[in-house]
Protein backbone atom coordinates (compact mmCIF):
# COMPACT_ATOMS: atom_id res chain seq x y z
CA MET A 1 2.43 126.45 190.25
CA ARG A 2 -0.82 127.70 191.79
CA ILE A 3 -1.70 128.59 195.36
CA LYS A 4 -5.04 127.20 196.48
CA LYS A 5 -7.22 129.56 198.43
CA ARG A 6 -8.06 128.83 202.05
CA ASP A 7 -4.98 126.71 202.65
CA VAL A 8 -2.32 129.31 203.35
CA ARG A 9 -1.35 131.15 206.52
CA ILE A 10 0.55 134.38 205.94
CA ALA A 11 2.80 136.11 208.47
CA VAL A 12 3.37 139.84 208.04
CA VAL A 13 6.50 140.85 209.93
CA GLY A 14 6.20 144.51 210.93
CA LEU A 15 2.83 146.14 211.63
CA GLY A 16 3.82 149.76 211.09
CA LYS A 17 2.41 152.31 208.65
CA ALA A 18 3.10 150.03 205.70
CA GLY A 19 2.75 146.59 207.28
CA LEU A 20 -0.59 146.95 209.06
CA PRO A 21 -2.48 148.22 205.98
CA LEU A 22 -1.00 145.34 203.97
CA ALA A 23 -1.96 142.75 206.58
CA SER A 24 -5.46 144.23 206.84
CA VAL A 25 -6.00 144.15 203.07
CA MET A 26 -4.85 140.51 203.03
CA ALA A 27 -7.34 139.65 205.78
CA ASP A 28 -10.12 141.52 203.95
CA SER A 29 -9.42 140.00 200.53
CA GLY A 30 -12.00 137.22 200.80
CA SER A 31 -9.31 134.70 199.89
CA GLY A 32 -9.63 132.92 203.20
CA PHE A 33 -6.02 133.52 204.17
CA GLU A 34 -5.24 133.51 207.87
CA VAL A 35 -2.95 136.44 208.62
CA VAL A 36 -0.56 136.52 211.57
CA GLY A 37 0.97 139.95 212.19
CA VAL A 38 4.27 139.96 214.05
CA ASP A 39 5.45 143.16 215.72
CA ILE A 40 7.77 143.88 218.65
CA ASP A 41 5.27 146.41 220.08
CA GLU A 42 3.07 144.41 222.48
CA ARG A 43 0.62 147.28 223.02
CA ARG A 44 0.14 147.64 219.27
CA CYS A 45 -0.55 143.91 218.99
CA GLU A 46 -3.07 144.05 221.83
CA ALA A 47 -4.88 147.01 220.26
CA ILE A 48 -5.12 145.28 216.88
CA ASN A 49 -6.48 142.09 218.45
CA ASN A 50 -9.12 144.23 220.18
CA GLY A 51 -10.13 145.69 216.83
CA GLU A 52 -8.52 149.05 217.58
CA ASN A 53 -6.51 150.78 214.86
CA PRO A 54 -3.17 152.19 216.13
CA ILE A 55 -2.79 154.28 212.96
CA PRO A 56 -6.03 156.32 212.95
CA GLU A 57 -4.78 158.79 210.32
CA GLU A 58 -4.75 156.00 207.71
CA SER A 59 -7.97 156.29 205.71
CA GLY A 60 -10.08 153.12 205.70
CA LEU A 61 -7.90 151.25 208.19
CA ASP A 62 -10.25 151.72 211.17
CA GLU A 63 -12.92 149.66 209.45
CA LEU A 64 -10.58 146.84 208.41
CA VAL A 65 -8.93 146.46 211.82
CA ALA A 66 -12.30 146.57 213.58
CA ARG A 67 -13.63 143.88 211.23
CA HIS A 68 -10.66 141.51 211.23
CA GLY A 69 -8.53 142.30 214.31
CA GLY A 70 -8.26 139.25 216.56
CA LYS A 71 -10.06 137.13 213.93
CA GLU A 72 -8.67 136.79 210.40
CA LEU A 73 -5.80 139.05 211.49
CA VAL A 74 -4.08 138.08 214.73
CA ALA A 75 -1.19 140.21 215.98
CA THR A 76 1.60 138.85 218.17
CA PRO A 77 5.05 139.89 219.40
CA ASN A 78 6.17 136.24 219.34
CA PHE A 79 7.69 134.73 216.19
CA GLU A 80 6.85 131.25 217.44
CA ASP A 81 3.19 132.06 216.80
CA ALA A 82 4.06 132.33 213.10
CA ARG A 83 5.79 128.95 212.90
CA GLY A 84 2.80 127.37 211.16
CA CYS A 85 2.72 129.97 208.38
CA GLU A 86 3.66 129.10 204.80
CA VAL A 87 4.25 132.66 203.61
CA PHE A 88 6.31 135.32 205.40
CA VAL A 89 6.13 138.96 204.29
CA VAL A 90 8.84 141.16 205.80
CA ILE A 91 8.10 144.89 205.88
CA VAL A 92 10.28 146.57 208.50
CA PRO A 93 12.08 149.93 208.17
CA LEU A 94 15.46 150.36 206.50
CA PHE A 95 17.23 153.56 207.52
CA THR A 96 20.52 155.10 206.45
CA ASP A 97 23.41 156.06 208.71
CA GLU A 98 25.21 159.42 208.88
CA ASP A 99 27.16 158.53 205.73
CA LYS A 100 23.96 157.68 203.83
CA ASN A 101 24.71 153.96 203.81
CA PRO A 102 21.84 151.52 204.50
CA GLU A 103 21.59 150.38 208.10
CA PHE A 104 20.45 146.76 207.89
CA SER A 105 20.17 145.85 211.58
CA ALA A 106 16.35 145.83 211.83
CA LEU A 107 16.00 143.99 208.52
CA GLU A 108 18.64 141.42 209.43
CA SER A 109 17.00 140.79 212.80
CA ALA A 110 13.62 140.21 211.14
CA PHE A 111 15.04 137.86 208.51
CA ARG A 112 17.01 135.83 211.00
CA LYS A 113 13.90 135.40 213.15
CA VAL A 114 11.95 134.30 210.09
CA GLY A 115 14.78 131.88 209.32
CA GLY A 116 14.36 130.41 212.78
CA VAL A 117 10.81 129.24 211.98
CA LEU A 118 11.19 128.65 208.22
CA LYS A 119 10.21 125.26 206.76
CA LYS A 120 10.90 123.65 203.40
CA GLY A 121 8.52 124.96 200.75
CA ASP A 122 7.81 128.22 202.58
CA LEU A 123 7.80 131.53 200.72
CA VAL A 124 9.46 134.70 202.03
CA VAL A 125 8.65 138.05 200.40
CA LEU A 126 10.58 141.21 201.19
CA GLU A 127 8.45 144.38 200.88
CA THR A 128 10.92 146.86 202.37
CA THR A 129 12.55 149.07 199.74
CA VAL A 130 16.19 147.99 199.55
CA PRO A 131 19.30 148.48 197.37
CA PRO A 132 19.31 146.27 194.25
CA GLY A 133 20.75 142.85 195.02
CA THR A 134 19.65 142.76 198.67
CA THR A 135 16.98 140.06 198.27
CA GLU A 136 19.17 137.57 196.42
CA GLY A 137 22.22 138.56 198.47
CA VAL A 138 22.21 139.27 202.20
CA ALA A 139 18.51 138.46 202.72
CA ARG A 140 18.96 135.02 201.19
CA GLY A 141 22.10 134.51 203.26
CA TRP A 142 20.38 135.38 206.54
CA LEU A 143 17.59 132.90 205.83
CA GLU A 144 19.93 130.11 204.80
CA GLU A 145 22.18 130.58 207.82
CA GLU A 146 19.33 130.50 210.33
CA SER A 147 17.13 127.83 208.73
CA GLY A 148 19.69 125.36 207.39
CA LEU A 149 17.65 125.37 204.17
CA ARG A 150 18.61 126.55 200.71
CA LEU A 151 16.84 128.64 198.09
CA LYS A 152 14.65 126.23 196.14
CA GLN A 153 15.43 126.16 192.41
CA GLY A 154 12.49 124.09 191.19
CA GLN A 155 11.40 123.18 187.67
CA GLY A 156 11.85 125.79 184.99
CA GLN A 157 15.06 127.19 186.41
CA GLU A 158 17.87 128.12 184.08
CA GLU A 159 20.10 125.47 185.59
CA GLN A 160 17.61 122.72 184.81
CA GLU A 161 16.72 124.08 181.39
CA GLN A 162 20.31 123.53 180.28
CA GLY A 163 19.73 119.79 180.08
CA GLN A 164 21.47 118.36 183.12
CA GLU A 165 22.02 114.64 183.19
CA GLN A 166 19.48 112.56 185.05
CA GLY A 167 21.97 111.46 187.66
CA GLN A 168 22.78 115.08 188.44
CA GLU A 169 19.11 115.88 188.83
CA GLN A 170 18.57 112.97 191.17
CA GLY A 171 21.54 114.12 193.24
CA GLN A 172 19.94 117.50 193.61
CA GLU A 173 16.52 116.17 194.58
CA GLY A 174 17.24 116.06 198.29
CA GLU A 175 18.62 119.59 198.23
CA GLN A 176 15.56 120.91 196.38
CA GLU A 177 13.21 119.27 198.89
CA ARG A 178 14.92 121.28 201.60
CA GLY A 179 14.41 124.57 199.78
CA PHE A 180 12.41 127.75 200.34
CA TYR A 181 11.17 130.44 197.96
CA LEU A 182 12.27 134.08 198.11
CA ALA A 183 10.90 137.16 196.31
CA HIS A 184 10.69 140.94 196.45
CA SER A 185 7.55 143.05 196.05
CA PRO A 186 8.34 146.64 197.06
CA GLU A 187 5.61 148.51 198.90
CA ARG A 188 4.29 151.41 196.82
CA ILE A 189 1.89 152.98 199.28
CA MET A 190 1.46 156.60 200.34
CA THR A 191 0.85 157.46 203.98
CA GLY A 192 -2.82 158.29 204.43
CA TYR A 193 -3.82 156.46 201.23
CA SER A 194 -2.31 153.02 201.81
CA ILE A 195 -5.51 151.00 201.47
CA SER A 196 -6.53 152.54 198.16
CA ARG A 197 -2.97 152.31 196.82
CA LEU A 198 -2.81 148.59 197.61
CA ARG A 199 -6.13 147.98 195.87
CA GLU A 200 -5.65 150.24 192.85
CA PHE A 201 -1.99 151.15 192.25
CA PRO A 202 0.28 148.95 190.07
CA LYS A 203 2.46 146.61 192.13
CA VAL A 204 5.35 144.42 190.98
CA VAL A 205 6.82 141.18 192.26
CA GLY A 206 10.04 139.44 191.25
CA GLY A 207 11.74 136.34 192.55
CA ALA A 208 15.28 135.50 193.55
CA ASN A 209 14.70 132.86 190.88
CA ARG A 210 11.87 132.17 188.46
CA GLU A 211 10.00 129.68 190.64
CA SER A 212 10.04 132.08 193.59
CA GLY A 213 8.63 134.89 191.46
CA VAL A 214 5.80 132.71 190.16
CA ARG A 215 5.04 131.44 193.66
CA ALA A 216 4.86 134.98 195.08
CA PHE A 217 2.71 136.16 192.17
CA GLU A 218 0.21 133.36 192.80
CA VAL A 219 -0.12 134.43 196.44
CA TYR A 220 -0.23 138.19 195.89
CA LYS A 221 -2.75 138.16 193.06
CA ASN A 222 -5.40 137.17 195.61
CA PHE A 223 -5.30 140.60 197.26
CA VAL A 224 -3.50 142.88 194.75
CA PRO A 225 -5.65 143.43 191.62
CA ASN A 226 -3.05 145.36 189.60
CA LEU A 227 -0.09 142.99 189.97
CA HIS A 228 2.79 142.45 187.55
CA LEU A 229 5.41 139.69 187.60
CA VAL A 230 8.86 140.97 186.59
CA SER A 231 11.91 138.93 185.68
CA SER A 232 13.79 139.08 188.98
CA ALA A 233 13.90 140.43 192.51
CA ARG A 234 16.71 142.77 191.44
CA VAL A 235 14.49 144.32 188.76
CA ALA A 236 11.67 144.75 191.30
CA GLU A 237 14.10 146.43 193.70
CA PHE A 238 15.32 148.79 190.99
CA ILE A 239 11.79 149.72 189.90
CA LYS A 240 10.91 151.14 193.30
CA ILE A 241 14.18 153.04 193.68
CA ALA A 242 13.95 154.45 190.15
CA GLU A 243 10.48 155.77 190.99
CA GLY A 244 11.85 157.62 194.03
CA CYS A 245 14.80 159.00 192.06
CA TYR A 246 12.45 160.27 189.35
CA ARG A 247 10.46 162.16 191.93
CA ASP A 248 13.53 163.58 193.66
CA VAL A 249 15.09 164.80 190.41
CA ASN A 250 11.86 166.42 189.25
CA VAL A 251 11.29 168.15 192.59
CA GLY A 252 14.89 169.36 192.35
CA LEU A 253 14.22 170.74 188.87
CA ALA A 254 11.12 172.58 190.08
CA ASN A 255 13.03 174.08 193.00
CA GLU A 256 15.88 175.22 190.76
CA LEU A 257 13.58 176.77 188.17
CA PHE A 258 11.66 178.51 190.96
CA ARG A 259 14.84 180.09 192.32
CA ILE A 260 15.98 181.20 188.87
CA ALA A 261 12.54 182.63 188.11
CA GLU A 262 12.66 184.68 191.31
CA GLU A 263 16.03 186.14 190.29
CA LEU A 264 14.67 187.02 186.85
CA GLY A 265 11.50 188.60 188.23
CA VAL A 266 9.33 185.90 186.66
CA ASP A 267 6.20 184.50 188.32
CA PHE A 268 7.10 180.80 188.38
CA TYR A 269 3.51 179.69 188.96
CA GLU A 270 2.23 181.54 185.91
CA ALA A 271 5.09 180.17 183.81
CA ARG A 272 4.48 176.65 185.10
CA GLU A 273 0.78 176.81 184.29
CA PHE A 274 1.43 177.41 180.60
CA ALA A 275 4.62 175.35 180.34
CA ASN A 276 2.83 172.19 181.43
CA HIS A 277 1.13 170.11 178.76
CA GLU A 278 1.00 166.49 177.61
CA TYR A 279 4.79 166.26 177.26
CA CYS A 280 5.87 168.52 180.13
CA HIS A 281 4.87 168.35 183.77
CA LEU A 282 6.80 170.67 186.05
CA LEU A 283 6.19 169.95 189.71
CA LEU A 284 5.62 172.54 192.42
CA PRO A 285 8.59 173.95 194.37
CA SER A 286 8.98 173.19 198.06
CA THR A 287 11.21 173.50 201.11
CA GLY A 288 12.87 170.27 200.01
CA VAL A 289 12.00 166.58 200.09
CA GLY A 290 11.10 164.72 203.28
CA GLY A 291 9.69 161.45 204.52
CA HIS A 292 11.01 157.89 204.69
CA CYS A 293 11.28 157.36 200.95
CA ILE A 294 12.42 159.98 198.45
CA PRO A 295 15.32 161.51 200.44
CA VAL A 296 16.67 158.00 201.13
CA TYR A 297 16.33 155.90 197.98
CA PRO A 298 18.63 157.90 195.66
CA TRP A 299 21.49 157.17 198.03
CA PHE A 300 21.13 153.44 197.30
CA LEU A 301 22.05 154.09 193.67
CA ILE A 302 24.58 156.83 194.44
CA ARG A 303 26.50 154.46 196.70
CA ALA A 304 26.23 151.67 194.11
CA ALA A 305 27.63 154.04 191.47
CA GLU A 306 30.53 154.91 193.75
CA ARG A 307 31.37 151.24 194.18
CA ALA A 308 31.24 150.79 190.41
CA GLU A 309 33.66 153.70 189.96
CA GLN A 310 36.05 152.08 192.40
CA ARG A 311 36.02 148.99 190.18
CA GLY A 312 36.85 151.14 187.16
CA LYS A 313 33.32 151.09 185.77
CA PHE A 314 31.02 153.98 184.86
CA GLY A 315 28.78 154.96 187.72
CA SER A 316 28.88 158.68 188.51
CA ALA A 317 25.20 159.29 189.44
CA ARG A 318 25.89 163.03 189.02
CA LEU A 319 22.26 163.91 188.39
CA LEU A 320 21.05 162.06 191.48
CA ARG A 321 23.69 163.77 193.61
CA ALA A 322 22.82 167.20 192.22
CA ALA A 323 19.11 166.70 192.90
CA ARG A 324 19.76 165.53 196.47
CA GLY A 325 22.04 168.48 197.17
CA GLY A 326 19.73 171.01 195.55
CA ASN A 327 16.68 169.81 197.45
CA ASP A 328 18.51 169.82 200.77
CA GLU A 329 19.73 173.38 200.10
CA MET A 330 16.15 174.66 200.01
CA VAL A 331 16.04 174.87 203.81
CA GLU A 332 18.78 177.49 203.86
CA TYR A 333 17.32 179.22 200.81
CA TRP A 334 14.04 179.77 202.63
CA ALA A 335 15.82 180.68 205.86
CA GLU A 336 17.58 183.49 204.00
CA ARG A 337 14.30 184.64 202.45
CA ILE A 338 12.65 184.70 205.87
CA ILE A 339 15.52 186.69 207.38
CA LEU A 340 15.26 189.22 204.56
CA GLY A 341 11.56 189.52 205.34
CA CYS A 342 12.33 190.05 209.03
CA LEU A 343 14.73 192.88 208.18
CA ARG A 344 11.82 194.76 206.63
CA VAL A 345 9.90 194.66 209.92
CA ASN A 346 10.45 197.73 212.08
CA LYS A 347 12.01 195.80 214.98
CA PRO A 348 15.45 194.48 215.91
CA LEU A 349 15.97 191.17 214.08
CA SER A 350 16.13 189.14 217.29
CA GLU A 351 12.75 190.53 218.40
CA VAL A 352 10.81 189.83 215.22
CA LYS A 353 8.27 187.14 216.09
CA ILE A 354 8.40 184.45 213.39
CA CYS A 355 5.83 181.69 212.92
CA VAL A 356 6.73 178.67 210.80
CA LYS A 357 3.38 177.23 209.78
CA GLY A 358 3.31 173.50 209.04
CA ILE A 359 6.20 171.34 210.25
CA THR A 360 5.38 167.88 208.85
CA PHE A 361 7.12 166.54 205.75
CA ARG A 362 3.81 166.45 203.86
CA GLU A 363 0.65 168.45 204.42
CA GLY A 364 -2.01 166.57 206.37
CA VAL A 365 0.29 163.71 207.43
CA LYS A 366 1.54 163.63 211.02
CA GLU A 367 5.06 162.48 210.21
CA LEU A 368 8.33 164.33 210.84
CA TYR A 369 10.93 161.95 209.43
CA HIS A 370 13.34 163.98 207.27
CA SER A 371 10.88 166.90 207.42
CA ARG A 372 12.50 169.89 205.75
CA ASN A 373 9.88 172.15 207.32
CA LEU A 374 10.94 171.06 210.80
CA ALA A 375 14.58 171.47 209.73
CA LEU A 376 13.78 175.02 208.63
CA ALA A 377 12.24 175.91 212.00
CA ARG A 378 15.26 174.51 213.80
CA SER A 379 17.69 176.29 211.48
CA LEU A 380 16.04 179.64 212.21
CA SER A 381 16.07 178.91 215.93
CA GLU A 382 19.76 177.99 215.83
CA LYS A 383 20.46 181.33 214.16
CA GLY A 384 19.12 183.03 217.29
CA LEU A 385 15.82 184.19 215.80
CA ASN A 386 12.55 184.45 217.71
CA VAL A 387 10.86 181.39 216.21
CA PHE A 388 7.52 179.73 216.95
CA VAL A 389 5.73 176.98 215.05
CA TYR A 390 2.13 176.10 214.37
CA ASP A 391 0.79 172.84 212.98
CA GLU A 392 -2.82 171.76 213.29
CA LEU A 393 -1.74 168.12 213.73
CA PHE A 394 0.31 168.78 216.87
CA SER A 395 -0.44 169.93 220.40
CA ARG A 396 1.59 172.45 222.35
CA ALA A 397 3.04 169.68 224.53
CA GLU A 398 4.10 167.60 221.52
CA VAL A 399 5.99 170.53 220.04
CA GLU A 400 7.44 172.13 223.14
CA GLU A 401 8.23 169.00 225.15
CA GLY A 402 8.82 166.59 222.30
CA LEU A 403 10.60 168.82 219.79
CA GLY A 404 12.01 171.60 221.95
CA LEU A 405 10.37 174.35 219.88
CA ARG A 406 7.91 177.03 220.94
CA PHE A 407 4.30 176.64 219.83
CA LEU A 408 1.55 179.02 218.79
CA GLU A 409 -2.12 178.14 218.84
CA LEU A 410 -4.08 178.95 215.69
CA GLU A 411 -5.59 182.08 217.21
CA GLU A 412 -2.09 183.25 218.17
CA VAL A 413 -0.59 182.95 214.68
CA GLY A 414 -1.91 186.40 213.76
CA GLU A 415 0.22 187.92 216.54
CA ALA A 416 3.43 186.97 214.72
CA ASP A 417 5.32 189.68 212.86
CA LEU A 418 6.13 187.26 210.05
CA VAL A 419 4.43 183.99 209.07
CA PHE A 420 5.94 181.50 206.64
CA ASP A 421 3.50 178.96 205.22
CA CYS A 422 5.70 175.95 204.47
CA PHE A 423 3.20 174.33 202.13
CA GLY A 424 2.02 177.48 200.37
CA LEU A 425 5.58 178.89 200.28
CA LYS A 426 4.26 182.30 201.23
CA ILE A 427 5.88 184.84 203.54
CA GLU A 428 3.51 187.35 205.12
CA SER A 429 4.44 190.08 207.57
CA ARG A 430 2.63 192.90 209.32
CA GLU A 431 5.04 195.41 207.84
CA LYS A 432 4.24 194.38 204.29
CA GLU A 433 0.51 194.53 204.95
CA LYS A 434 0.87 198.09 206.29
CA ASN A 435 2.78 199.07 203.17
CA GLY A 436 0.35 197.31 200.86
CA GLU A 437 2.96 194.79 199.68
CA SER A 438 2.39 191.12 198.89
CA GLY A 439 4.36 188.26 200.43
CA HIS A 440 7.16 186.34 198.81
CA GLY A 441 6.69 182.96 197.24
CA ARG A 442 3.35 181.76 195.88
CA LYS A 443 0.70 184.40 195.39
């Protein structure tokens, strides 16, 4: 099955930090696809249609939105405007609740709205990272309930390859004509580099059945050069989560080795330099793991393992749990190190002026979701310490009014008695400088 160029309209549901770059790359692909972006934010839609990029920190996105906004890419808050589309790509956030279970409300709402405009033969692709089994399970169910259609099996399916009798096949014909296609292609972008990642980084797609996977591959290959078709949506789901778990575990290992090295009086950075080679790549230590992805995805497998254990099957996920716990503990580890540094300053502890430098989850990206650096600043403040923060990406009003923390301008940072650089992991204090001593952490 092949998709002809210039005859497909694609709806991208969700024009956030992942969805808008994807929609823009589709519009810029030269494939002639008409792209309809659906988002609940009316102001965002209006800006895009005026050629204005609502995510200016995303490299290369200004140019694409200016070129295609309101033309090849039309944004709308109304799902009815997407009724004529043949392909629907859903890329809305999936968060976890207080118990680390996925909170599906936004995803369910999006899928049910897609189901309300779905037609036979349409393709739906889920890009949101989800627990394995979501695409072929609840996502399929939402679409079927709202649309009255069924997942289309098509030629080449396992059921038909088993040699069904002709009468059976004829009986199924009407059902197949009423079908839709469903696939999963997890986003693999990085905030700030989304355009280049879409155009260069390997991307996978897998269907809820074989025909759906092939159909999605034929569409996506027009704007994703490095595309790979995998055997199922469940495999595609697992690939993305495994990638996040790999990162989390390796960050956890780096953090643990760093702490042990400190206790042994070993310079971790020197040791790391010579330990790393073709078969070993130790990552850098940190204050923990933040953002929308890595702190969240391991919990999808941890919870799945717990359910397996309840059914009497193996599924401990001990390593994933240990990595999550170890990375989250780094906030208190650094809080203790900072307090020890404050005790060396010739002032009462409550009067030592502390500056936490850099509060985003990743350097250079204005995003605070699950930021361990922000959590560190708040932890110190809750302990009654005299804490200020500085981050070049934020204004005083954003920090003091929006976050409830006190802010220092760059020229004021030098007035602090102790400065902790969250990205350099370096503690510097006036007292140490007077005594000719170096800071803790990276040198």
